[in-house]
Amino acid sequence: MIGKTPINPLIVLALAIVLPGMGHVAAGQPQRGLGFAFFTLLLALLTWHTTGPDISFIGRSAGGLFVWALSIPDAYRIARVNYEIWRTGAGAGAAAATAR
């Protein structure tokens, strides 16, 4: 990320809230984001099929919602760390030190 301005962490947060995994993709970790999206869908389907029809929508998709809820602060944290490294210029200094 040297020289390239990272995306604003608040935009990443908004994307993570709207779609599972999209915050990670925007923050530059697409594999992690696709993993979160996959397991959100998988666990939502699993809990949907293992619960009865008398359970609410939230209850029937609780597994997927749990993974989605875990992915939101994770995406924000990654974006915030990337942004702070870029803002303070530590990324350029660390890259120059390892290149020697």
C-alpha atoms as a PDB file:
ATOM      1  CA  MET A   1       0.000   0.000   0.000  1.00  0.00           C
ATOM      2  CA  ILE A   2       2.960   2.300  -0.332  1.00  0.00           C
ATOM      3  CA  GLY A   3       1.960   5.413  -2.235  1.00  0.00           C
ATOM      4  CA  LYS A   4      -1.627   4.282  -2.676  1.00  0.00           C
ATOM      5  CA  THR A   5      -4.239   5.885  -0.448  1.00  0.00           C
ATOM      6  CA  PRO A   6      -6.245   3.172   1.336  1.00  0.00           C
ATOM      7  CA  ILE A   7     -10.013   3.357   1.383  1.00  0.00           C
ATOM      8  CA  ASN A   8     -11.567   5.260   4.277  1.00  0.00           C
ATOM      9  CA  PRO A   9     -12.315   2.883   7.196  1.00  0.00           C
ATOM     10  CA  LEU A  10     -15.849   4.267   7.536  1.00  0.00           C
ATOM     11  CA  ILE A  11     -16.623   3.311   3.945  1.00  0.00           C
ATOM     12  CA  VAL A  12     -15.273  -0.167   4.651  1.00  0.00           C
ATOM     13  CA  LEU A  13     -17.488  -0.302   7.747  1.00  0.00           C
ATOM     14  CA  ALA A  14     -20.555   0.667   5.707  1.00  0.00           C
ATOM     15  CA  LEU A  15     -19.768  -1.964   3.060  1.00  0.00           C
ATOM     16  CA  ALA A  16     -19.276  -4.613   5.742  1.00  0.00           C
ATOM     17  CA  ILE A  17     -22.652  -3.768   7.252  1.00  0.00           C
ATOM     18  CA  VAL A  18     -24.457  -3.889   3.891  1.00  0.00           C
ATOM     19  CA  LEU A  19     -22.921  -7.078   2.469  1.00  0.00           C
ATOM     20  CA  PRO A  20     -20.968  -9.773   4.288  1.00  0.00           C
ATOM     21  CA  GLY A  21     -17.375  -9.909   3.095  1.00  0.00           C
ATOM     22  CA  MET A  22     -17.468  -6.730   1.005  1.00  0.00           C
ATOM     23  CA  GLY A  23     -15.670  -4.705   3.666  1.00  0.00           C
ATOM     24  CA  HIS A  24     -12.755  -7.117   3.509  1.00  0.00           C
ATOM     25  CA  VAL A  25     -12.697  -6.973  -0.283  1.00  0.00           C
ATOM     26  CA  ALA A  26     -12.622  -3.168  -0.173  1.00  0.00           C
ATOM     27  CA  ALA A  27      -9.878  -3.243   2.479  1.00  0.00           C
ATOM     28  CA  GLY A  28      -7.671  -5.328   0.208  1.00  0.00           C
ATOM     29  CA  GLN A  29      -8.266  -8.830   1.573  1.00  0.00           C
ATOM     30  CA  PRO A  30     -10.619 -10.451  -0.951  1.00  0.00           C
ATOM     31  CA  GLN A  31      -9.917 -14.056   0.091  1.00  0.00           C
ATOM     32  CA  ARG A  32     -10.814 -13.301   3.687  1.00  0.00           C
ATOM     33  CA  GLY A  33     -13.939 -11.477   2.547  1.00  0.00           C
ATOM     34  CA  LEU A  34     -15.063 -14.308   0.317  1.00  0.00           C
ATOM     35  CA  GLY A  35     -14.455 -16.725   3.185  1.00  0.00           C
ATOM     36  CA  PHE A  36     -16.669 -14.692   5.483  1.00  0.00           C
ATOM     37  CA  ALA A  37     -19.356 -14.455   2.775  1.00  0.00           C
ATOM     38  CA  PHE A  38     -19.210 -18.206   2.155  1.00  0.00           C
ATOM     39  CA  PHE A  39     -19.494 -19.153   5.818  1.00  0.00           C
ATOM     40  CA  THR A  40     -22.228 -16.576   6.394  1.00  0.00           C
ATOM     41  CA  LEU A  41     -24.296 -18.187   3.662  1.00  0.00           C
ATOM     42  CA  LEU A  42     -23.392 -21.737   4.692  1.00  0.00           C
ATOM     43  CA  LEU A  43     -24.299 -21.290   8.352  1.00  0.00           C
ATOM     44  CA  ALA A  44     -27.455 -19.352   7.504  1.00  0.00           C
ATOM     45  CA  LEU A  45     -28.598 -22.220   5.285  1.00  0.00           C
ATOM     46  CA  LEU A  46     -27.607 -24.796   7.892  1.00  0.00           C
ATOM     47  CA  THR A  47     -29.544 -23.135  10.689  1.00  0.00           C
ATOM     48  CA  TRP A  48     -32.468 -22.439   8.340  1.00  0.00           C
ATOM     49  CA  HIS A  49     -32.835 -26.132   7.534  1.00  0.00           C
ATOM     50  CA  THR A  50     -32.311 -27.377  11.081  1.00  0.00           C
ATOM     51  CA  THR A  51     -34.940 -25.152  12.713  1.00  0.00           C
ATOM     52  CA  GLY A  52     -38.669 -25.438  12.535  1.00  0.00           C
ATOM     53  CA  PRO A  53     -41.038 -23.166  10.625  1.00  0.00           C
ATOM     54  CA  ASP A  54     -42.363 -21.692  13.867  1.00  0.00           C
ATOM     55  CA  ILE A  55     -39.009 -19.945  14.530  1.00  0.00           C
ATOM     56  CA  SER A  56     -38.564 -16.315  13.419  1.00  0.00           C
ATOM     57  CA  PHE A  57     -36.408 -15.298  10.453  1.00  0.00           C
ATOM     58  CA  ILE A  58     -33.699 -14.035  12.800  1.00  0.00           C
ATOM     59  CA  GLY A  59     -33.670 -17.327  14.675  1.00  0.00           C
ATOM     60  CA  ARG A  60     -33.675 -19.409  11.519  1.00  0.00           C
ATOM     61  CA  SER A  61     -30.658 -17.591  10.080  1.00  0.00           C
ATOM     62  CA  ALA A  62     -28.816 -16.990  13.363  1.00  0.00           C
ATOM     63  CA  GLY A  63     -25.678 -18.900  12.352  1.00  0.00           C
ATOM     64  CA  GLY A  64     -25.094 -16.749   9.297  1.00  0.00           C
ATOM     65  CA  LEU A  65     -25.961 -13.548  11.131  1.00  0.00           C
ATOM     66  CA  PHE A  66     -23.421 -14.445  13.811  1.00  0.00           C
ATOM     67  CA  VAL A  67     -20.604 -14.832  11.272  1.00  0.00           C
ATOM     68  CA  TRP A  68     -21.709 -11.622   9.534  1.00  0.00           C
ATOM     69  CA  ALA A  69     -21.642  -9.781  12.862  1.00  0.00           C
ATOM     70  CA  LEU A  70     -18.103 -11.047  13.508  1.00  0.00           C
ATOM     71  CA  SER A  71     -16.930  -9.897  10.074  1.00  0.00           C
ATOM     72  CA  ILE A  72     -17.996  -6.266  10.542  1.00  0.00           C
ATOM     73  CA  PRO A  73     -15.500  -5.206  13.247  1.00  0.00           C
ATOM     74  CA  ASP A  74     -12.808  -7.370  11.650  1.00  0.00           C
ATOM     75  CA  ALA A  75     -13.098  -5.547   8.318  1.00  0.00           C
ATOM     76  CA  TYR A  76     -13.125  -2.168  10.057  1.00  0.00           C
ATOM     77  CA  ARG A  77     -10.040  -3.073  12.114  1.00  0.00           C
ATOM     78  CA  ILE A  78      -8.112  -4.143   9.009  1.00  0.00           C
ATOM     79  CA  ALA A  79      -9.070  -0.951   7.169  1.00  0.00           C
ATOM     80  CA  ARG A  80      -8.250   1.216  10.171  1.00  0.00           C
ATOM     81  CA  VAL A  81      -4.800  -0.348  10.601  1.00  0.00           C
ATOM     82  CA  ASN A  82      -4.058   0.042   6.871  1.00  0.00           C
ATOM     83  CA  TYR A  83      -5.218   3.655   6.970  1.00  0.00           C
ATOM     84  CA  GLU A  84      -3.151   4.523  10.053  1.00  0.00           C
ATOM     85  CA  ILE A  85      -0.038   2.894   8.601  1.00  0.00           C
ATOM     86  CA  TRP A  86      -0.516   4.952   5.441  1.00  0.00           C
ATOM     87  CA  ARG A  87      -1.340   8.144   7.359  1.00  0.00           C
ATOM     88  CA  THR A  88       1.693   8.030   9.613  1.00  0.00           C
ATOM     89  CA  GLY A  89       4.018   6.997   6.830  1.00  0.00           C
ATOM     90  CA  ALA A  90       5.160   3.938   8.768  1.00  0.00           C
ATOM     91  CA  GLY A  91       4.501   1.754   5.754  1.00  0.00           C
ATOM     92  CA  ALA A  92       7.146   3.523   3.665  1.00  0.00           C
ATOM     93  CA  GLY A  93       9.690   3.428   6.475  1.00  0.00           C
ATOM     94  CA  ALA A  94       9.114  -0.255   7.177  1.00  0.00           C
ATOM     95  CA  ALA A  95       9.394  -1.128   3.490  1.00  0.00           C
ATOM     96  CA  ALA A  96      12.644   0.819   3.161  1.00  0.00           C
ATOM     97  CA  ALA A  97      14.125  -0.884   6.220  1.00  0.00           C
ATOM     98  CA  THR A  98      13.319  -4.373   4.912  1.00  0.00           C
ATOM     99  CA  ALA A  99      14.691  -3.595   1.451  1.00  0.00           C
ATOM    100  CA  ARG A 100      18.225  -3.071   2.819  1.00  0.00           C
END
